[in-house]
Amino acid sequence: LISLYFLVLGIYCLKFYIVAFFKTQS
């Protein structure tokens, strides 16, 4: 349960920075 919970948070956080990179590079 704890692994799933923090994994979902981790996936979202990693996605956040990938999107930020896309935006800076247009």
PDB file of all heavy atoms in Angstrom:
ATOM      1  N   LEU A   1       0.825  -1.212   0.000  1.00  0.00           N
ATOM      2  CA  LEU A   1       0.000   0.000   0.000  1.00  0.00           C
ATOM      3  C   LEU A   1       0.859   1.262   0.000  1.00  0.00           C
ATOM      4  O   LEU A   1       0.598   2.200  -0.754  1.00  0.00           O
ATOM      5  CB  LEU A   1      -0.933  -0.007   1.216  1.00  0.00           C
ATOM      6  CG  LEU A   1      -2.006  -1.102   1.230  1.00  0.00           C
ATOM      7  CD1 LEU A   1      -2.803  -1.054   2.527  1.00  0.00           C
ATOM      8  CD2 LEU A   1      -2.939  -0.964   0.030  1.00  0.00           C
ATOM      9  N   ILE A   2       1.887   1.282   0.841  1.00  0.00           N
ATOM     10  CA  ILE A   2       2.742   2.469   0.906  1.00  0.00           C
ATOM     11  C   ILE A   2       3.549   2.620  -0.379  1.00  0.00           C
ATOM     12  O   ILE A   2       3.739   3.739  -0.879  1.00  0.00           O
ATOM     13  CB  ILE A   2       3.664   2.387   2.133  1.00  0.00           C
ATOM     14  CG1 ILE A   2       2.829   2.468   3.412  1.00  0.00           C
ATOM     15  CG2 ILE A   2       4.702   3.508   2.114  1.00  0.00           C
ATOM     16  CD1 ILE A   2       3.629   2.373   4.685  1.00  0.00           C
ATOM     17  N   SER A   3       4.003   1.509  -0.929  1.00  0.00           N
ATOM     18  CA  SER A   3       4.747   1.563  -2.193  1.00  0.00           C
ATOM     19  C   SER A   3       3.891   2.147  -3.310  1.00  0.00           C
ATOM     20  O   SER A   3       4.343   3.010  -4.077  1.00  0.00           O
ATOM     21  CB  SER A   3       5.237   0.169  -2.585  1.00  0.00           C
ATOM     22  OG  SER A   3       6.163  -0.322  -1.660  1.00  0.00           O
ATOM     23  N   LEU A   4       2.650   1.695  -3.404  1.00  0.00           N
ATOM     24  CA  LEU A   4       1.743   2.211  -4.441  1.00  0.00           C
ATOM     25  C   LEU A   4       1.469   3.697  -4.255  1.00  0.00           C
ATOM     26  O   LEU A   4       1.462   4.475  -5.218  1.00  0.00           O
ATOM     27  CB  LEU A   4       0.431   1.424  -4.427  1.00  0.00           C
ATOM     28  CG  LEU A   4       0.497  -0.013  -4.960  1.00  0.00           C
ATOM     29  CD1 LEU A   4      -0.830  -0.721  -4.737  1.00  0.00           C
ATOM     30  CD2 LEU A   4       0.858  -0.019  -6.443  1.00  0.00           C
ATOM     31  N   TYR A   5       1.248   4.094  -3.013  1.00  0.00           N
ATOM     32  CA  TYR A   5       0.934   5.495  -2.729  1.00  0.00           C
ATOM     33  C   TYR A   5       2.086   6.407  -3.145  1.00  0.00           C
ATOM     34  O   TYR A   5       1.893   7.385  -3.884  1.00  0.00           O
ATOM     35  CB  TYR A   5       0.634   5.665  -1.240  1.00  0.00           C
ATOM     36  CG  TYR A   5       0.421   7.098  -0.810  1.00  0.00           C
ATOM     37  CD1 TYR A   5      -0.747   7.772  -1.136  1.00  0.00           C
ATOM     38  CD2 TYR A   5       1.406   7.783  -0.088  1.00  0.00           C
ATOM     39  CE1 TYR A   5      -0.940   9.095  -0.752  1.00  0.00           C
ATOM     40  CE2 TYR A   5       1.214   9.096   0.297  1.00  0.00           C
ATOM     41  CZ  TYR A   5       0.043   9.742  -0.028  1.00  0.00           C
ATOM     42  OH  TYR A   5      -0.141  11.051   0.349  1.00  0.00           O
ATOM     43  N   PHE A   6       3.289   6.088  -2.687  1.00  0.00           N
ATOM     44  CA  PHE A   6       4.431   6.945  -3.010  1.00  0.00           C
ATOM     45  C   PHE A   6       4.872   6.799  -4.461  1.00  0.00           C
ATOM     46  O   PHE A   6       5.449   7.731  -5.028  1.00  0.00           O
ATOM     47  CB  PHE A   6       5.594   6.646  -2.064  1.00  0.00           C
ATOM     48  CG  PHE A   6       5.457   7.318  -0.730  1.00  0.00           C
ATOM     49  CD1 PHE A   6       4.937   6.632   0.350  1.00  0.00           C
ATOM     50  CD2 PHE A   6       5.808   8.648  -0.568  1.00  0.00           C
ATOM     51  CE1 PHE A   6       4.792   7.259   1.585  1.00  0.00           C
ATOM     52  CE2 PHE A   6       5.664   9.281   0.651  1.00  0.00           C
ATOM     53  CZ  PHE A   6       5.154   8.580   1.743  1.00  0.00           C
ATOM     54  N   LEU A   7       4.580   5.646  -5.068  1.00  0.00           N
ATOM     55  CA  LEU A   7       4.907   5.485  -6.479  1.00  0.00           C
ATOM     56  C   LEU A   7       4.044   6.398  -7.336  1.00  0.00           C
ATOM     57  O   LEU A   7       4.524   7.023  -8.288  1.00  0.00           O
ATOM     58  CB  LEU A   7       4.713   4.029  -6.897  1.00  0.00           C
ATOM     59  CG  LEU A   7       5.088   3.698  -8.342  1.00  0.00           C
ATOM     60  CD1 LEU A   7       6.543   4.058  -8.606  1.00  0.00           C
ATOM     61  CD2 LEU A   7       4.845   2.233  -8.634  1.00  0.00           C
ATOM     62  N   VAL A   8       2.751   6.507  -7.000  1.00  0.00           N
ATOM     63  CA  VAL A   8       1.855   7.417  -7.732  1.00  0.00           C
ATOM     64  C   VAL A   8       2.350   8.854  -7.598  1.00  0.00           C
ATOM     65  O   VAL A   8       2.404   9.609  -8.577  1.00  0.00           O
ATOM     66  CB  VAL A   8       0.414   7.281  -7.212  1.00  0.00           C
ATOM     67  CG1 VAL A   8      -0.466   8.394  -7.780  1.00  0.00           C
ATOM     68  CG2 VAL A   8      -0.165   5.933  -7.589  1.00  0.00           C
ATOM     69  N   LEU A   9       2.734   9.253  -6.381  1.00  0.00           N
ATOM     70  CA  LEU A   9       3.284  10.597  -6.185  1.00  0.00           C
ATOM     71  C   LEU A   9       4.563  10.791  -6.985  1.00  0.00           C
ATOM     72  O   LEU A   9       4.775  11.844  -7.608  1.00  0.00           O
ATOM     73  CB  LEU A   9       3.572  10.827  -4.697  1.00  0.00           C
ATOM     74  CG  LEU A   9       2.372  10.960  -3.764  1.00  0.00           C
ATOM     75  CD1 LEU A   9       2.843  11.154  -2.328  1.00  0.00           C
ATOM     76  CD2 LEU A   9       1.468  12.116  -4.178  1.00  0.00           C
ATOM     77  N   GLY A  10       5.418   9.777  -6.985  1.00  0.00           N
ATOM     78  CA  GLY A  10       6.675   9.874  -7.717  1.00  0.00           C
ATOM     79  C   GLY A  10       6.469  10.002  -9.216  1.00  0.00           C
ATOM     80  O   GLY A  10       7.148  10.785  -9.885  1.00  0.00           O
ATOM     81  N   ILE A  11       5.515   9.229  -9.766  1.00  0.00           N
ATOM     82  CA  ILE A  11       5.213   9.308 -11.194  1.00  0.00           C
ATOM     83  C   ILE A  11       4.712  10.700 -11.560  1.00  0.00           C
ATOM     84  O   ILE A  11       5.125  11.278 -12.570  1.00  0.00           O
ATOM     85  CB  ILE A  11       4.171   8.231 -11.586  1.00  0.00           C
ATOM     86  CG1 ILE A  11       4.815   6.842 -11.533  1.00  0.00           C
ATOM     87  CG2 ILE A  11       3.605   8.503 -12.979  1.00  0.00           C
ATOM     88  CD1 ILE A  11       3.832   5.713 -11.736  1.00  0.00           C
ATOM     89  N   TYR A  12       3.839  11.254 -10.708  1.00  0.00           N
ATOM     90  CA  TYR A  12       3.326  12.602 -10.978  1.00  0.00           C
ATOM     91  C   TYR A  12       4.453  13.634 -10.924  1.00  0.00           C
ATOM     92  O   TYR A  12       4.542  14.512 -11.789  1.00  0.00           O
ATOM     93  CB  TYR A  12       2.241  12.982  -9.971  1.00  0.00           C
ATOM     94  CG  TYR A  12       1.822  14.426 -10.115  1.00  0.00           C
ATOM     95  CD1 TYR A  12       0.962  14.826 -11.126  1.00  0.00           C
ATOM     96  CD2 TYR A  12       2.341  15.408  -9.267  1.00  0.00           C
ATOM     97  CE1 TYR A  12       0.604  16.149 -11.288  1.00  0.00           C
ATOM     98  CE2 TYR A  12       2.002  16.734  -9.415  1.00  0.00           C
ATOM     99  CZ  TYR A  12       1.131  17.107 -10.426  1.00  0.00           C
ATOM    100  OH  TYR A  12       0.803  18.426 -10.581  1.00  0.00           O
ATOM    101  N   CYS A  13       5.328  13.542  -9.924  1.00  0.00           N
ATOM    102  CA  CYS A  13       6.418  14.508  -9.798  1.00  0.00           C
ATOM    103  C   CYS A  13       7.378  14.412 -10.981  1.00  0.00           C
ATOM    104  O   CYS A  13       7.816  15.439 -11.521  1.00  0.00           O
ATOM    105  CB  CYS A  13       7.180  14.282  -8.490  1.00  0.00           C
ATOM    106  SG  CYS A  13       6.230  14.671  -7.006  1.00  0.00           S
ATOM    107  N   LEU A  14       7.705  13.187 -11.403  1.00  0.00           N
ATOM    108  CA  LEU A  14       8.583  13.015 -12.556  1.00  0.00           C
ATOM    109  C   LEU A  14       7.922  13.561 -13.815  1.00  0.00           C
ATOM    110  O   LEU A  14       8.565  14.236 -14.628  1.00  0.00           O
ATOM    111  CB  LEU A  14       8.926  11.535 -12.734  1.00  0.00           C
ATOM    112  CG  LEU A  14       9.927  11.196 -13.838  1.00  0.00           C
ATOM    113  CD1 LEU A  14      11.249  11.921 -13.616  1.00  0.00           C
ATOM    114  CD2 LEU A  14      10.154   9.684 -13.908  1.00  0.00           C
ATOM    115  N   LYS A  15       6.633  13.302 -13.970  1.00  0.00           N
ATOM    116  CA  LYS A  15       5.887  13.839 -15.107  1.00  0.00           C
ATOM    117  C   LYS A  15       5.921  15.362 -15.117  1.00  0.00           C
ATOM    118  O   LYS A  15       6.067  16.010 -16.160  1.00  0.00           O
ATOM    119  CB  LYS A  15       4.449  13.326 -15.051  1.00  0.00           C
ATOM    120  CG  LYS A  15       3.452  14.082 -15.926  1.00  0.00           C
ATOM    121  CD  LYS A  15       2.621  15.059 -15.115  1.00  0.00           C
ATOM    122  CE  LYS A  15       1.727  15.912 -15.962  1.00  0.00           C
ATOM    123  NZ  LYS A  15       1.063  16.982 -15.206  1.00  0.00           N
ATOM    124  N   PHE A  16       5.832  15.976 -13.928  1.00  0.00           N
ATOM    125  CA  PHE A  16       5.837  17.434 -13.795  1.00  0.00           C
ATOM    126  C   PHE A  16       7.107  18.022 -14.398  1.00  0.00           C
ATOM    127  O   PHE A  16       7.062  19.025 -15.123  1.00  0.00           O
ATOM    128  CB  PHE A  16       5.717  17.806 -12.315  1.00  0.00           C
ATOM    129  CG  PHE A  16       5.795  19.281 -12.042  1.00  0.00           C
ATOM    130  CD1 PHE A  16       4.674  20.074 -12.140  1.00  0.00           C
ATOM    131  CD2 PHE A  16       7.004  19.877 -11.695  1.00  0.00           C
ATOM    132  CE1 PHE A  16       4.743  21.438 -11.887  1.00  0.00           C
ATOM    133  CE2 PHE A  16       7.084  21.225 -11.444  1.00  0.00           C
ATOM    134  CZ  PHE A  16       5.947  22.014 -11.536  1.00  0.00           C
ATOM    135  N   TYR A  17       8.264  17.402 -14.124  1.00  0.00           N
ATOM    136  CA  TYR A  17       9.522  17.953 -14.615  1.00  0.00           C
ATOM    137  C   TYR A  17       9.756  17.638 -16.085  1.00  0.00           C
ATOM    138  O   TYR A  17      10.422  18.405 -16.787  1.00  0.00           O
ATOM    139  CB  TYR A  17      10.677  17.454 -13.748  1.00  0.00           C
ATOM    140  CG  TYR A  17      10.577  18.018 -12.340  1.00  0.00           C
ATOM    141  CD1 TYR A  17      10.254  17.208 -11.266  1.00  0.00           C
ATOM    142  CD2 TYR A  17      10.749  19.378 -12.115  1.00  0.00           C
ATOM    143  CE1 TYR A  17      10.114  17.737  -9.993  1.00  0.00           C
ATOM    144  CE2 TYR A  17      10.609  19.911 -10.849  1.00  0.00           C
ATOM    145  CZ  TYR A  17      10.297  19.091  -9.793  1.00  0.00           C
ATOM    146  OH  TYR A  17      10.150  19.623  -8.547  1.00  0.00           O
ATOM    147  N   ILE A  18       9.204  16.530 -16.560  1.00  0.00           N
ATOM    148  CA  ILE A  18       9.284  16.250 -17.995  1.00  0.00           C
ATOM    149  C   ILE A  18       8.490  17.291 -18.772  1.00  0.00           C
ATOM    150  O   ILE A  18       8.952  17.821 -19.789  1.00  0.00           O
ATOM    151  CB  ILE A  18       8.770  14.825 -18.298  1.00  0.00           C
ATOM    152  CG1 ILE A  18       9.694  13.782 -17.655  1.00  0.00           C
ATOM    153  CG2 ILE A  18       8.694  14.602 -19.810  1.00  0.00           C
ATOM    154  CD1 ILE A  18       9.180  12.363 -17.769  1.00  0.00           C
ATOM    155  N   VAL A  19       7.294  17.615 -18.281  1.00  0.00           N
ATOM    156  CA  VAL A  19       6.475  18.649 -18.925  1.00  0.00           C
ATOM    157  C   VAL A  19       7.165  20.008 -18.863  1.00  0.00           C
ATOM    158  O   VAL A  19       7.157  20.776 -19.833  1.00  0.00           O
ATOM    159  CB  VAL A  19       5.081  18.720 -18.266  1.00  0.00           C
ATOM    160  CG1 VAL A  19       4.306  19.948 -18.759  1.00  0.00           C
ATOM    161  CG2 VAL A  19       4.283  17.459 -18.558  1.00  0.00           C
ATOM    162  N   ALA A  20       7.788  20.320 -17.732  1.00  0.00           N
ATOM    163  CA  ALA A  20       8.505  21.588 -17.606  1.00  0.00           C
ATOM    164  C   ALA A  20       9.623  21.688 -18.638  1.00  0.00           C
ATOM    165  O   ALA A  20       9.854  22.752 -19.229  1.00  0.00           O
ATOM    166  CB  ALA A  20       9.071  21.732 -16.191  1.00  0.00           C
ATOM    167  N   PHE A  21      10.305  20.558 -18.869  1.00  0.00           N
ATOM    168  CA  PHE A  21      11.360  20.547 -19.893  1.00  0.00           C
ATOM    169  C   PHE A  21      10.759  20.778 -21.280  1.00  0.00           C
ATOM    170  O   PHE A  21      11.305  21.556 -22.076  1.00  0.00           O
ATOM    171  CB  PHE A  21      12.103  19.220 -19.853  1.00  0.00           C
ATOM    172  CG  PHE A  21      13.081  19.042 -20.981  1.00  0.00           C
ATOM    173  CD1 PHE A  21      14.293  19.716 -20.972  1.00  0.00           C
ATOM    174  CD2 PHE A  21      12.783  18.208 -22.049  1.00  0.00           C
ATOM    175  CE1 PHE A  21      15.201  19.563 -22.011  1.00  0.00           C
ATOM    176  CE2 PHE A  21      13.672  18.048 -23.092  1.00  0.00           C
ATOM    177  CZ  PHE A  21      14.883  18.731 -23.074  1.00  0.00           C
ATOM    178  N   PHE A  22       9.638  20.114 -21.589  1.00  0.00           N
ATOM    179  CA  PHE A  22       8.973  20.315 -22.877  1.00  0.00           C
ATOM    180  C   PHE A  22       8.626  21.787 -23.092  1.00  0.00           C
ATOM    181  O   PHE A  22       8.798  22.332 -24.184  1.00  0.00           O
ATOM    182  CB  PHE A  22       7.695  19.474 -22.952  1.00  0.00           C
ATOM    183  CG  PHE A  22       7.936  17.997 -23.125  1.00  0.00           C
ATOM    184  CD1 PHE A  22       6.954  17.074 -22.753  1.00  0.00           C
ATOM    185  CD2 PHE A  22       9.114  17.516 -23.648  1.00  0.00           C
ATOM    186  CE1 PHE A  22       7.160  15.716 -22.900  1.00  0.00           C
ATOM    187  CE2 PHE A  22       9.333  16.160 -23.812  1.00  0.00           C
ATOM    188  CZ  PHE A  22       8.351  15.257 -23.438  1.00  0.00           C
ATOM    189  N   LYS A  23       8.143  22.425 -22.039  1.00  0.00           N
ATOM    190  CA  LYS A  23       7.718  23.824 -22.169  1.00  0.00           C
ATOM    191  C   LYS A  23       8.900  24.747 -22.418  1.00  0.00           C
ATOM    192  O   LYS A  23       8.803  25.673 -23.234  1.00  0.00           O
ATOM    193  CB  LYS A  23       6.969  24.250 -20.910  1.00  0.00           C
ATOM    194  CG  LYS A  23       5.585  23.607 -20.785  1.00  0.00           C
ATOM    195  CD  LYS A  23       4.869  24.071 -19.520  1.00  0.00           C
ATOM    196  CE  LYS A  23       3.471  23.454 -19.454  1.00  0.00           C
ATOM    197  NZ  LYS A  23       2.748  23.865 -18.205  1.00  0.00           N
ATOM    198  N   THR A  24      10.019  24.518 -21.736  1.00  0.00           N
ATOM    199  CA  THR A  24      11.177  25.393 -21.958  1.00  0.00           C
ATOM    200  C   THR A  24      11.768  25.201 -23.352  1.00  0.00           C
ATOM    201  O   THR A  24      12.348  26.130 -23.915  1.00  0.00           O
ATOM    202  CB  THR A  24      12.271  25.123 -20.910  1.00  0.00           C
ATOM    203  OG1 THR A  24      12.674  23.752 -20.987  1.00  0.00           O
ATOM    204  CG2 THR A  24      11.771  25.435 -19.515  1.00  0.00           C
ATOM    205  N   GLN A  25      11.609  24.005 -23.916  1.00  0.00           N
ATOM    206  CA  GLN A  25      12.144  23.720 -25.249  1.00  0.00           C
ATOM    207  C   GLN A  25      11.102  23.902 -26.348  1.00  0.00           C
ATOM    208  O   GLN A  25      11.392  23.652 -27.529  1.00  0.00           O
ATOM    209  CB  GLN A  25      12.670  22.272 -25.301  1.00  0.00           C
ATOM    210  CG  GLN A  25      13.760  21.987 -24.279  1.00  0.00           C
ATOM    211  CD  GLN A  25      14.982  22.847 -24.490  1.00  0.00           C
ATOM    212  OE1 GLN A  25      15.469  23.010 -25.608  1.00  0.00           O
ATOM    213  NE2 GLN A  25      15.499  23.421 -23.408  1.00  0.00           N
ATOM    214  N   SER A  26       9.886  24.323 -25.953  1.00  0.00           N
ATOM    215  CA  SER A  26       8.769  24.522 -26.908  1.00  0.00           C
ATOM    216  C   SER A  26       8.495  23.260 -27.714  1.00  0.00           C
ATOM    217  O   SER A  26       8.307  23.296 -28.936  1.00  0.00           O
ATOM    218  CB  SER A  26       9.081  25.699 -27.848  1.00  0.00           C
ATOM    219  OG  SER A  26       9.267  26.883 -27.115  1.00  0.00           O
TER     220      SER A  26
END
